[in-house]
N, C-alpha and C. Protein backbone atom coordinates (compact mmCIF):
# COMPACT_ATOMS: atom_id res chain seq x y z
N UNK A 1 -138.07 178.25 27.61
CA UNK A 1 -138.11 177.34 26.79
C UNK A 1 -137.11 177.10 25.52
N UNK A 2 -136.68 176.33 25.44
CA UNK A 2 -135.70 176.05 24.28
C UNK A 2 -136.47 175.09 23.41
N UNK A 3 -136.55 175.55 21.71
CA UNK A 3 -137.31 174.73 20.85
C UNK A 3 -136.06 173.91 20.03
N UNK A 4 -136.25 173.06 19.66
CA UNK A 4 -135.19 171.97 19.01
C UNK A 4 -135.51 172.42 17.99
N UNK A 5 -134.67 172.76 16.79
CA UNK A 5 -134.25 173.08 15.66
C UNK A 5 -135.43 172.16 14.79
N UNK A 6 -135.38 171.09 14.53
CA UNK A 6 -136.46 170.57 13.59
C UNK A 6 -137.57 170.62 14.29
N UNK A 7 -138.71 171.18 14.12
CA UNK A 7 -140.37 171.29 14.66
C UNK A 7 -141.27 170.26 14.05
N UNK A 8 -141.47 169.49 14.26
CA UNK A 8 -142.01 168.38 13.11
C UNK A 8 -143.76 168.52 13.46
N UNK A 9 -144.28 168.71 12.42
CA UNK A 9 -145.85 168.66 12.59
C UNK A 9 -146.40 167.46 11.83
N UNK A 10 -147.26 166.33 12.80
CA UNK A 10 -147.87 165.52 12.11
C UNK A 10 -149.53 165.84 12.08
N UNK A 11 -149.91 166.18 10.67
CA UNK A 11 -151.55 166.81 10.16
C UNK A 11 -151.81 165.42 9.90
N UNK A 12 -153.21 165.37 11.00
CA UNK A 12 -153.72 164.32 10.19
C UNK A 12 -154.65 163.97 9.13
N UNK A 13 -154.35 164.86 8.39
CA UNK A 13 -155.06 165.37 7.06
C UNK A 13 -153.96 164.48 6.16
N UNK A 14 -152.79 164.48 6.54
CA UNK A 14 -151.85 163.51 5.36
C UNK A 14 -152.17 162.42 5.43
N UNK A 15 -152.64 161.75 6.97
CA UNK A 15 -152.80 160.32 7.06
C UNK A 15 -154.27 159.82 7.59
N UNK A 16 -155.10 159.76 6.49
CA UNK A 16 -156.47 159.57 6.87
C UNK A 16 -156.75 158.44 7.78
N UNK A 17 -155.81 157.29 8.15
CA UNK A 17 -156.35 156.32 8.89
C UNK A 17 -155.25 156.76 10.23
N UNK A 18 -154.63 157.96 10.43
CA UNK A 18 -153.68 157.84 11.53
C UNK A 18 -152.48 157.37 11.19
N UNK A 19 -151.64 158.07 11.56
CA UNK A 19 -150.14 157.43 11.74
C UNK A 19 -149.08 157.67 12.66
N UNK A 20 -149.71 156.65 13.63
CA UNK A 20 -148.32 156.94 15.29
C UNK A 20 -146.97 156.50 14.55
N UNK A 21 -147.37 155.19 13.47
CA UNK A 21 -145.65 155.13 13.05
C UNK A 21 -145.05 156.40 12.60
N UNK A 22 -145.68 157.09 12.09
CA UNK A 22 -144.95 158.34 11.44
C UNK A 22 -144.42 158.86 12.41
N UNK A 23 -145.20 159.06 13.54
CA UNK A 23 -144.34 159.89 14.69
C UNK A 23 -143.39 159.41 15.48
N UNK A 24 -142.93 157.85 15.47
CA UNK A 24 -142.17 157.38 15.79
C UNK A 24 -140.94 157.13 15.08
N UNK A 25 -141.21 157.06 13.64
CA UNK A 25 -140.18 157.22 12.77
C UNK A 25 -139.48 158.39 13.26
N UNK A 26 -140.05 159.84 13.00
CA UNK A 26 -139.36 160.91 13.26
C UNK A 26 -138.20 160.73 14.82
N UNK A 27 -138.96 160.39 16.25
CA UNK A 27 -138.47 160.45 17.25
C UNK A 27 -137.12 159.59 16.60
N UNK A 28 -137.33 158.40 16.14
CA UNK A 28 -136.20 157.53 16.46
C UNK A 28 -135.04 158.39 15.20
N UNK A 29 -135.51 159.14 14.42
CA UNK A 29 -134.72 159.98 13.78
C UNK A 29 -133.57 160.82 14.53
N UNK A 30 -134.48 161.10 15.78
CA UNK A 30 -133.58 162.23 16.99
C UNK A 30 -134.88 163.36 16.77
N UNK A 31 -135.83 163.36 16.45
CA UNK A 31 -136.50 164.58 16.00
C UNK A 31 -137.12 164.85 17.77
N UNK A 32 -136.82 165.54 18.68
CA UNK A 32 -137.40 166.18 19.77
C UNK A 32 -138.34 166.49 20.00
N UNK A 33 -139.36 167.14 19.05
CA UNK A 33 -141.32 167.65 19.24
C UNK A 33 -141.55 167.21 18.41
N UNK A 34 -142.78 166.96 18.66
CA UNK A 34 -143.70 166.37 17.76
C UNK A 34 -145.28 167.48 17.98
N UNK A 35 -145.73 168.06 16.70
CA UNK A 35 -146.98 168.49 16.86
C UNK A 35 -148.22 167.90 16.48
N UNK A 36 -149.03 167.76 16.93
CA UNK A 36 -150.21 167.13 16.27
C UNK A 36 -151.27 167.87 16.14
N UNK A 37 -151.88 167.51 14.76
CA UNK A 37 -153.10 168.98 14.36
C UNK A 37 -153.46 167.84 13.66
N UNK A 38 -154.90 168.25 13.86
CA UNK A 38 -156.06 167.33 13.45
C UNK A 38 -157.31 168.19 13.63
N UNK A 39 -157.65 168.83 12.32
CA UNK A 39 -158.36 169.73 12.32
C UNK A 39 -160.20 169.22 11.48
N UNK A 40 -159.98 167.94 11.60
CA UNK A 40 -161.05 167.26 11.13
C UNK A 40 -162.11 166.21 11.94
N UNK A 41 -161.54 166.14 12.65
CA UNK A 41 -161.86 164.58 13.68
C UNK A 41 -162.62 165.46 14.96
N UNK A 42 -163.50 164.49 15.25
CA UNK A 42 -164.33 165.45 16.78
C UNK A 42 -163.41 164.96 17.75
N UNK A 43 -163.35 165.34 18.62
CA UNK A 43 -162.78 165.76 20.17
C UNK A 43 -162.47 163.84 20.51
N UNK A 44 -163.72 163.03 20.38
CA UNK A 44 -163.22 161.57 20.81
C UNK A 44 -162.22 161.30 20.23
N UNK A 45 -162.03 161.44 18.85
CA UNK A 45 -161.01 160.79 17.77
C UNK A 45 -159.75 161.36 18.13
N UNK A 46 -159.68 162.85 18.11
CA UNK A 46 -158.69 163.04 18.60
C UNK A 46 -157.78 163.03 20.17
N UNK A 47 -158.76 162.73 20.85
CA UNK A 47 -157.97 162.49 21.88
C UNK A 47 -157.82 160.93 22.35
N UNK A 48 -158.33 160.06 21.28
CA UNK A 48 -157.76 158.42 21.30
C UNK A 48 -156.93 158.34 20.38
N UNK A 49 -156.44 159.14 19.38
CA UNK A 49 -155.38 159.31 18.93
C UNK A 49 -154.11 159.88 19.44
N UNK A 50 -154.46 160.86 20.45
CA UNK A 50 -153.28 161.53 20.72
C UNK A 50 -152.84 161.08 22.15
N UNK A 51 -154.13 159.98 22.73
CA UNK A 51 -153.62 158.96 23.64
C UNK A 51 -152.14 157.85 22.86
N UNK A 52 -152.66 157.33 21.98
CA UNK A 52 -152.05 156.64 21.45
C UNK A 52 -150.68 156.84 20.89
N UNK A 53 -150.63 158.27 20.54
CA UNK A 53 -149.61 159.08 20.60
C UNK A 53 -148.67 159.20 21.67
N UNK A 54 -149.08 159.34 22.95
CA UNK A 54 -148.45 159.78 24.27
C UNK A 54 -148.03 158.39 24.39
N UNK A 55 -148.85 157.52 24.41
CA UNK A 55 -148.34 155.78 24.31
C UNK A 55 -147.16 155.43 23.77
N UNK A 56 -147.35 155.51 22.88
CA UNK A 56 -145.92 154.98 21.77
C UNK A 56 -144.59 156.15 21.77
N UNK A 57 -144.92 157.16 22.22
CA UNK A 57 -143.75 158.10 22.18
C UNK A 57 -143.24 158.41 23.45
N UNK A 58 -143.99 158.51 24.56
CA UNK A 58 -143.53 158.58 26.29
C UNK A 58 -142.94 159.86 26.42
N UNK A 59 -141.94 159.42 26.76
CA UNK A 59 -140.86 160.59 27.47
C UNK A 59 -139.93 161.21 26.05
N UNK A 60 -139.88 160.40 25.17
CA UNK A 60 -138.63 160.89 24.16
C UNK A 60 -138.52 161.57 23.33
N UNK A 61 -140.22 162.45 23.09
CA UNK A 61 -139.66 163.45 22.54
C UNK A 61 -140.94 164.16 23.15
N UNK A 62 -141.41 166.07 22.84
CA UNK A 62 -142.47 166.55 23.26
C UNK A 62 -143.32 166.40 22.49
N UNK A 63 -144.46 166.46 22.77
CA UNK A 63 -145.29 166.24 22.37
C UNK A 63 -146.65 167.53 22.68
N UNK A 64 -146.88 168.11 21.56
CA UNK A 64 -147.82 169.39 21.61
C UNK A 64 -148.95 169.67 20.56
N UNK A 65 -150.13 169.58 21.37
CA UNK A 65 -151.40 169.51 20.60
C UNK A 65 -151.55 170.94 20.24
N UNK A 66 -152.24 170.98 19.01
CA UNK A 66 -152.63 172.19 18.48
C UNK A 66 -154.33 172.68 18.67
N UNK A 67 -153.92 173.72 18.73
CA UNK A 67 -156.00 174.20 19.37
C UNK A 67 -156.61 174.31 20.67
N UNK A 68 -156.19 172.90 21.17
CA UNK A 68 -157.29 172.39 21.81
C UNK A 68 -156.74 172.18 23.73
N UNK A 69 -156.88 173.20 24.15
CA UNK A 69 -156.31 173.21 25.27
C UNK A 69 -156.93 171.80 26.20
N UNK A 70 -157.81 171.63 26.20
CA UNK A 70 -158.76 170.38 27.27
C UNK A 70 -158.12 169.52 26.79
N UNK A 71 -157.79 169.18 25.38
CA UNK A 71 -157.27 167.84 25.14
C UNK A 71 -155.83 167.99 25.12
N UNK A 72 -154.58 168.95 25.61
CA UNK A 72 -153.72 168.59 25.76
C UNK A 72 -153.86 168.33 26.97
N UNK A 73 -154.11 168.65 28.09
CA UNK A 73 -154.46 168.07 29.25
C UNK A 73 -155.10 166.67 29.57
N UNK A 74 -156.11 166.24 28.58
CA UNK A 74 -156.85 164.95 28.59
C UNK A 74 -155.82 164.13 28.42
N UNK A 75 -154.99 164.43 27.23
CA UNK A 75 -153.73 163.31 26.67
C UNK A 75 -152.68 163.51 27.31
N UNK A 76 -152.38 164.45 28.51
CA UNK A 76 -150.86 164.37 28.77
C UNK A 76 -150.04 164.77 27.98
N UNK A 77 -150.24 165.70 27.26
CA UNK A 77 -149.03 166.50 26.16
C UNK A 77 -148.47 167.37 26.73
N UNK A 78 -147.31 167.65 26.36
CA UNK A 78 -146.02 168.53 26.90
C UNK A 78 -146.54 170.15 26.70
N UNK A 79 -147.56 170.22 25.91
CA UNK A 79 -147.63 172.01 25.40
C UNK A 79 -148.98 171.71 24.13
N UNK A 80 -148.78 173.00 24.33
CA UNK A 80 -150.11 173.60 23.42
C UNK A 80 -149.73 174.61 22.29
N UNK A 81 -150.41 174.44 21.08
CA UNK A 81 -150.13 175.49 19.98
C UNK A 81 -151.31 176.20 19.70
N UNK A 82 -151.30 177.21 19.60
CA UNK A 82 -152.69 177.96 19.01
C UNK A 82 -152.52 179.25 17.93
N UNK A 83 -153.65 179.08 17.20
CA UNK A 83 -153.58 179.99 16.03
C UNK A 83 -153.98 181.47 16.76
N UNK A 84 -154.33 182.39 15.33
CA UNK A 84 -154.70 183.41 15.93
C UNK A 84 -156.37 183.37 16.06
N UNK A 85 -157.00 182.24 15.53
CA UNK A 85 -158.33 182.23 15.89
C UNK A 85 -158.62 181.26 17.18
N UNK A 86 -157.91 180.98 17.80
CA UNK A 86 -158.54 180.34 18.75
C UNK A 86 -158.28 181.06 20.14
N UNK A 87 -158.44 180.26 21.32
CA UNK A 87 -158.47 180.78 22.69
C UNK A 87 -157.04 182.04 22.84
N UNK A 88 -157.53 182.81 23.48
CA UNK A 88 -156.03 183.52 23.71
C UNK A 88 -154.89 183.20 24.82
N UNK A 89 -153.71 183.21 24.41
CA UNK A 89 -152.88 182.64 24.97
C UNK A 89 -153.02 182.93 26.60
N UNK A 90 -153.83 184.15 27.20
CA UNK A 90 -154.04 183.56 28.69
C UNK A 90 -154.72 182.78 29.22
N UNK A 91 -155.87 182.82 28.35
CA UNK A 91 -156.99 181.68 28.55
C UNK A 91 -156.44 180.36 28.55
N UNK A 92 -155.76 180.12 27.70
CA UNK A 92 -155.17 178.86 27.44
C UNK A 92 -153.87 178.69 28.53
N UNK A 93 -153.41 179.46 28.72
CA UNK A 93 -152.30 179.21 30.27
C UNK A 93 -153.22 179.06 31.46
N UNK A 94 -154.19 180.03 31.37
CA UNK A 94 -154.90 179.18 32.68
C UNK A 94 -155.07 177.66 32.69
N UNK A 95 -155.73 177.23 31.52
CA UNK A 95 -155.94 176.19 31.63
C UNK A 95 -155.05 174.89 31.51
N UNK A 96 -153.78 175.02 31.11
CA UNK A 96 -152.97 173.99 30.55
C UNK A 96 -151.63 174.33 32.22
N UNK A 97 -151.80 175.60 32.71
CA UNK A 97 -151.02 175.69 33.53
C UNK A 97 -149.69 176.18 33.45
N UNK A 98 -148.67 176.44 34.29
CA UNK A 98 -147.13 177.13 34.23
C UNK A 98 -146.14 176.02 33.52
N UNK A 99 -146.26 174.78 33.58
CA UNK A 99 -145.51 174.01 33.55
C UNK A 99 -145.20 173.47 32.17
N UNK A 100 -146.43 173.71 31.38
CA UNK A 100 -146.66 172.99 29.76
C UNK A 100 -146.16 174.29 28.69
N UNK A 101 -145.97 173.87 27.66
CA UNK A 101 -145.23 174.86 26.82
C UNK A 101 -146.31 175.06 26.19
N UNK A 102 -146.22 177.01 25.96
CA UNK A 102 -147.51 177.27 25.34
C UNK A 102 -146.73 178.40 24.14
N UNK A 103 -147.42 178.10 22.33
CA UNK A 103 -146.81 178.65 20.93
C UNK A 103 -148.00 179.09 20.45
N UNK A 104 -147.65 180.60 20.43
CA UNK A 104 -148.72 180.91 18.94
C UNK A 104 -148.38 181.29 17.76
N UNK A 105 -148.89 181.30 16.79
CA UNK A 105 -148.80 181.58 15.52
C UNK A 105 -148.92 182.91 15.71
N UNK A 106 -148.08 183.77 14.39
CA UNK A 106 -148.17 185.09 14.00
C UNK A 106 -148.05 185.44 12.69
N UNK A 107 -148.34 186.26 11.61
CA UNK A 107 -148.86 186.25 10.27
C UNK A 107 -148.25 187.42 10.02
N UNK A 108 -147.81 188.66 10.93
CA UNK A 108 -146.72 189.81 10.86
C UNK A 108 -146.75 190.42 11.95
N UNK A 109 -145.62 191.58 11.53
CA UNK A 109 -145.34 192.21 12.50
C UNK A 109 -146.10 192.37 13.87
N UNK A 110 -147.27 193.27 13.32
CA UNK A 110 -148.55 193.44 14.54
C UNK A 110 -148.49 192.42 15.64
N UNK A 111 -149.07 191.17 14.49
CA UNK A 111 -149.19 189.91 15.80
C UNK A 111 -148.04 189.26 16.75
N UNK A 112 -146.55 189.30 15.99
CA UNK A 112 -145.55 189.14 16.45
C UNK A 112 -145.38 190.05 17.61
N UNK A 113 -145.69 191.45 17.48
CA UNK A 113 -145.31 191.91 18.68
C UNK A 113 -146.35 191.77 20.29
N UNK A 114 -147.61 191.29 19.45
CA UNK A 114 -148.68 191.61 20.66
C UNK A 114 -148.27 189.99 21.35
N UNK A 115 -148.01 188.57 20.39
CA UNK A 115 -147.64 187.65 20.88
C UNK A 115 -146.47 187.73 22.21
N UNK A 116 -145.72 188.98 21.50
CA UNK A 116 -144.48 188.63 22.52
C UNK A 116 -144.59 189.41 23.92
N UNK A 117 -146.13 189.88 24.35
CA UNK A 117 -146.07 190.29 25.46
C UNK A 117 -146.82 189.53 26.24
N UNK A 118 -147.49 188.49 25.50
CA UNK A 118 -147.79 187.16 26.15
C UNK A 118 -147.01 186.17 26.90
N UNK A 119 -147.79 185.33 27.87
CA UNK A 119 -146.75 184.11 28.21
C UNK A 119 -146.49 183.18 27.21
N UNK A 120 -146.72 183.36 26.02
CA UNK A 120 -146.32 181.90 25.50
C UNK A 120 -144.64 181.47 25.22
N UNK A 121 -144.25 180.71 25.09
CA UNK A 121 -142.98 180.79 25.38
C UNK A 121 -142.22 180.48 23.91
N UNK A 122 -142.77 180.51 22.97
CA UNK A 122 -142.10 180.42 21.76
C UNK A 122 -143.43 181.13 20.97
N UNK A 123 -142.73 181.87 19.61
CA UNK A 123 -143.52 182.43 18.34
C UNK A 123 -143.48 181.68 17.02
N UNK A 124 -144.53 181.12 16.56
CA UNK A 124 -144.14 180.63 14.93
C UNK A 124 -144.53 182.14 13.92
N UNK A 125 -143.31 181.85 12.96
CA UNK A 125 -143.91 183.30 12.25
C UNK A 125 -143.85 182.84 10.93
N UNK A 126 -145.09 183.30 9.92
CA UNK A 126 -145.19 182.37 8.51
C UNK A 126 -146.56 182.44 8.13
N UNK A 127 -146.79 181.93 6.77
CA UNK A 127 -146.15 181.08 6.22
C UNK A 127 -144.47 182.36 5.68
N UNK A 128 -143.37 181.50 5.58
CA UNK A 128 -142.44 181.64 5.14
C UNK A 128 -142.63 181.68 3.50
N UNK A 129 -142.55 180.60 2.84
CA UNK A 129 -142.62 180.63 1.96
C UNK A 129 -144.39 179.81 1.25
N UNK A 130 -144.69 179.60 0.16
CA UNK A 130 -145.86 179.03 -0.11
C UNK A 130 -146.23 177.68 0.33
N UNK A 131 -147.53 177.29 0.78
CA UNK A 131 -147.57 176.10 1.02
C UNK A 131 -148.72 175.90 0.78
N UNK A 132 -148.96 174.18 0.62
CA UNK A 132 -150.01 173.57 0.59
C UNK A 132 -150.82 173.04 1.40
N UNK A 133 -150.10 173.27 2.89
CA UNK A 133 -150.88 172.41 4.14
C UNK A 133 -152.27 173.13 4.55
N UNK A 134 -152.48 174.06 4.14
CA UNK A 134 -153.70 174.97 4.29
C UNK A 134 -154.27 175.43 3.05
N UNK A 135 -155.70 175.40 3.52
CA UNK A 135 -156.42 175.64 2.22
C UNK A 135 -156.84 177.09 2.00
N UNK A 136 -156.30 178.39 3.19
CA UNK A 136 -156.57 179.33 2.81
C UNK A 136 -155.44 180.16 4.05
N UNK A 137 -154.22 180.07 2.95
CA UNK A 137 -153.06 180.35 4.09
C UNK A 137 -152.64 181.89 4.11
N UNK A 138 -152.41 182.38 5.30
CA UNK A 138 -152.09 183.66 4.93
C UNK A 138 -151.05 184.30 4.17
N UNK A 139 -151.10 185.89 3.48
CA UNK A 139 -149.79 185.66 2.62
C UNK A 139 -148.31 185.66 3.39
N UNK A 140 -147.76 184.94 2.23
CA UNK A 140 -146.51 184.55 2.62
C UNK A 140 -145.76 185.89 3.19
N UNK A 141 -144.75 185.89 3.93
CA UNK A 141 -143.84 186.29 4.78
C UNK A 141 -142.69 186.94 3.89
N UNK A 142 -142.16 185.17 3.47
CA UNK A 142 -140.67 185.53 3.00
C UNK A 142 -139.63 185.22 4.38
N UNK A 143 -138.14 185.70 3.68
CA UNK A 143 -137.31 185.81 5.10
C UNK A 143 -137.34 186.80 5.15
N UNK A 144 -137.40 187.61 4.84
CA UNK A 144 -137.57 189.61 5.57
C UNK A 144 -138.78 189.33 6.49
N UNK A 145 -139.59 188.32 6.27
CA UNK A 145 -140.68 187.98 7.60
C UNK A 145 -139.82 187.85 8.47
N UNK A 146 -138.97 186.72 8.41
CA UNK A 146 -138.33 186.23 9.67
C UNK A 146 -137.76 187.18 10.27
N UNK A 147 -137.16 188.15 9.28
CA UNK A 147 -135.93 188.79 10.15
C UNK A 147 -136.84 189.77 10.89
N UNK A 148 -137.76 190.64 10.42
CA UNK A 148 -138.57 191.48 11.01
C UNK A 148 -138.88 190.83 12.28
N UNK A 149 -139.65 189.75 12.33
CA UNK A 149 -139.98 188.92 13.79
C UNK A 149 -138.90 188.83 14.43
N UNK A 150 -137.72 188.68 14.12
CA UNK A 150 -136.74 188.31 14.98
C UNK A 150 -136.45 189.59 15.53
N UNK A 151 -136.11 191.10 14.89
CA UNK A 151 -136.22 192.09 15.61
C UNK A 151 -136.92 192.68 16.87
N UNK A 152 -138.18 191.90 16.56
CA UNK A 152 -139.30 191.98 17.43
C UNK A 152 -139.69 191.35 18.87
N UNK A 153 -138.87 190.44 18.77
CA UNK A 153 -138.94 189.51 20.16
C UNK A 153 -137.79 188.93 20.56
N UNK A 154 -137.73 188.36 21.51
CA UNK A 154 -136.06 187.71 22.03
C UNK A 154 -137.04 186.02 22.80
N UNK A 155 -137.90 185.82 22.03
CA UNK A 155 -138.62 184.58 22.47
C UNK A 155 -138.36 183.43 21.30
N UNK A 156 -138.40 181.90 21.60
CA UNK A 156 -137.64 181.89 20.21
C UNK A 156 -138.66 181.20 19.29
N UNK A 157 -138.42 181.71 17.86
CA UNK A 157 -138.65 181.97 16.83
C UNK A 157 -139.03 180.57 16.00
N UNK A 158 -139.94 179.97 15.32
CA UNK A 158 -140.30 178.63 14.69
C UNK A 158 -140.68 179.45 13.47
N UNK A 159 -140.15 179.13 12.42
CA UNK A 159 -140.72 179.91 11.31
C UNK A 159 -141.30 178.29 10.60
N UNK A 160 -142.41 178.79 10.03
CA UNK A 160 -143.25 177.50 9.07
C UNK A 160 -143.70 177.93 7.97
N UNK A 161 -144.33 176.87 6.86
CA UNK A 161 -144.77 177.26 5.94
C UNK A 161 -144.18 177.03 4.53
N UNK A 162 -143.78 176.03 3.82
CA UNK A 162 -143.32 175.77 2.90
C UNK A 162 -142.04 175.44 2.90
N UNK A 163 -141.33 174.79 3.97
CA UNK A 163 -140.35 174.67 4.22
C UNK A 163 -139.60 172.97 3.96
N UNK A 164 -138.42 173.29 3.31
CA UNK A 164 -137.99 172.20 3.13
C UNK A 164 -136.50 171.58 3.26
N UNK A 165 -135.89 170.66 2.81
CA UNK A 165 -134.25 170.68 3.22
C UNK A 165 -133.88 171.44 2.40
N UNK A 166 -134.36 172.14 1.03
CA UNK A 166 -133.45 172.87 0.16
C UNK A 166 -133.42 174.45 0.85
N UNK A 167 -134.18 174.30 1.63
CA UNK A 167 -134.52 176.15 2.09
C UNK A 167 -134.45 176.15 3.58
N UNK A 168 -134.41 175.36 4.10
CA UNK A 168 -134.26 174.94 5.72
C UNK A 168 -133.42 176.05 6.26
N UNK A 169 -131.75 175.57 5.77
CA UNK A 169 -130.96 176.45 6.37
C UNK A 169 -130.96 178.35 5.94
N UNK A 170 -131.56 178.62 5.19
CA UNK A 170 -131.66 180.18 5.15
C UNK A 170 -132.51 180.73 5.97
N UNK A 171 -133.63 179.64 6.44
CA UNK A 171 -134.55 180.25 7.36
C UNK A 171 -133.80 180.67 8.25
N UNK A 172 -133.00 179.53 9.21
CA UNK A 172 -132.13 179.87 10.27
C UNK A 172 -131.29 181.09 10.26
N UNK A 173 -130.97 181.17 8.92
CA UNK A 173 -129.77 182.50 8.59
C UNK A 173 -130.31 183.69 8.84
N UNK A 174 -131.96 183.43 8.71
CA UNK A 174 -132.57 184.80 8.31
C UNK A 174 -133.20 185.45 10.40
N UNK A 175 -132.37 183.99 11.10
CA UNK A 175 -133.39 184.93 12.45
C UNK A 175 -133.73 183.13 13.05
N UNK A 176 -134.57 182.54 12.40
CA UNK A 176 -135.33 181.58 13.16
C UNK A 176 -134.34 180.43 14.25
N UNK A 177 -135.23 180.07 15.36
CA UNK A 177 -134.62 179.42 16.18
C UNK A 177 -134.45 177.91 15.71
N UNK A 178 -135.78 177.67 15.08
CA UNK A 178 -136.23 176.45 14.66
C UNK A 178 -137.41 176.47 13.26
N UNK A 179 -137.07 175.49 12.35
CA UNK A 179 -138.20 175.26 11.58
C UNK A 179 -139.54 174.27 11.71
N UNK A 180 -140.55 174.79 11.41
CA UNK A 180 -141.45 173.84 11.19
C UNK A 180 -141.89 172.98 9.89
N UNK A 181 -141.90 171.79 10.48
CA UNK A 181 -142.27 171.06 8.74
C UNK A 181 -143.24 169.64 8.77
N UNK A 182 -143.90 170.18 7.44
CA UNK A 182 -145.17 168.90 7.44
C UNK A 182 -145.02 168.19 6.12
N UNK A 183 -144.83 168.60 5.12
CA UNK A 183 -144.82 167.75 3.88
C UNK A 183 -143.52 167.31 3.42
N UNK A 184 -142.35 167.96 3.63
CA UNK A 184 -141.23 167.36 3.35
C UNK A 184 -140.62 166.35 4.19
N UNK A 185 -141.53 165.95 5.43
CA UNK A 185 -141.06 165.08 6.24
C UNK A 185 -141.97 163.83 5.76
N UNK A 186 -142.90 163.66 4.90
CA UNK A 186 -144.02 162.54 5.09
C UNK A 186 -143.54 161.34 4.03
N UNK A 187 -142.75 161.47 3.13
CA UNK A 187 -142.05 160.91 2.30
C UNK A 187 -140.84 160.40 3.23
N UNK A 188 -140.39 158.98 4.12
CA UNK A 188 -139.39 158.35 4.52
C UNK A 188 -139.07 159.18 5.32
N UNK A 189 -140.22 159.26 6.43
CA UNK A 189 -139.71 160.24 7.78
C UNK A 189 -138.64 159.91 8.34
N UNK A 190 -137.71 158.89 8.50
CA UNK A 190 -136.86 158.98 9.35
C UNK A 190 -135.58 159.49 8.46
N UNK A 191 -135.67 158.89 7.52
CA UNK A 191 -134.65 159.74 6.36
C UNK A 191 -134.67 160.97 6.22
N UNK A 192 -135.62 161.21 6.13
CA UNK A 192 -136.08 162.79 5.64
C UNK A 192 -135.61 163.88 7.02
N UNK A 193 -135.99 163.27 8.22
CA UNK A 193 -136.01 163.83 9.35
C UNK A 193 -134.16 163.85 9.80
N UNK A 194 -133.68 162.69 9.87
CA UNK A 194 -132.00 162.96 9.38
C UNK A 194 -131.52 163.78 9.05
N UNK A 195 -131.99 164.05 7.63
CA UNK A 195 -131.16 164.70 7.22
C UNK A 195 -131.40 166.25 7.15
N UNK A 196 -133.22 166.75 7.79
CA UNK A 196 -133.19 168.02 7.94
C UNK A 196 -132.12 167.97 9.40
N UNK A 197 -132.15 166.93 10.10
CA UNK A 197 -131.34 167.47 11.50
C UNK A 197 -129.37 167.51 11.37
N UNK A 198 -129.18 167.20 9.95
CA UNK A 198 -127.86 167.33 9.33
C UNK A 198 -128.11 168.80 8.94
N UNK A 199 -128.59 169.24 8.20
CA UNK A 199 -128.51 170.31 7.68
C UNK A 199 -128.75 171.68 8.37
N UNK A 200 -129.73 171.54 9.35
CA UNK A 200 -129.61 172.05 10.45
C UNK A 200 -128.77 172.50 11.53
N UNK A 201 -127.91 171.40 11.54
CA UNK A 201 -126.46 171.78 13.23
C UNK A 201 -127.21 171.28 13.93
């Protein structure tokens, strides 16, 4: 699997009313992948919103479901992303099958090495910088953490956590293949995504 340079995350907590238009603006800017993350709604609400995303985005970008393998299938998303406390990668792979993308988060070298042994298609390392998108984030790994992760896997590496237009290039230079972004896309998403894509080359 190849992961695009910009890995956009649509976090439902940032959009209490739900914002399919946000995703549409990102895709219009050239963003090729959007992860849908919803930690607060029930399964029915998540599925309804996911299906609306799928209807609006179609095949113009890959849609990745956070955490929920069952809803990934039900919404016909292109892939699934797991945290350390979610299903095991192999259990998730049995559910979603061989043709959907599977990613897993890692927060230290041991977790990266473990993820490298699984059927995950890519590994997300972070938080690289301090982040406000999680109430109880893992310790910051910094650019050195990205470099260590790069040395431990040949799988595509997605850096996440506090990444902005000001520091995104340094993360790529440290060995990441892609940067995952939440906060720095929220204001004027189309313009922000275009600037990210230009910076990331």
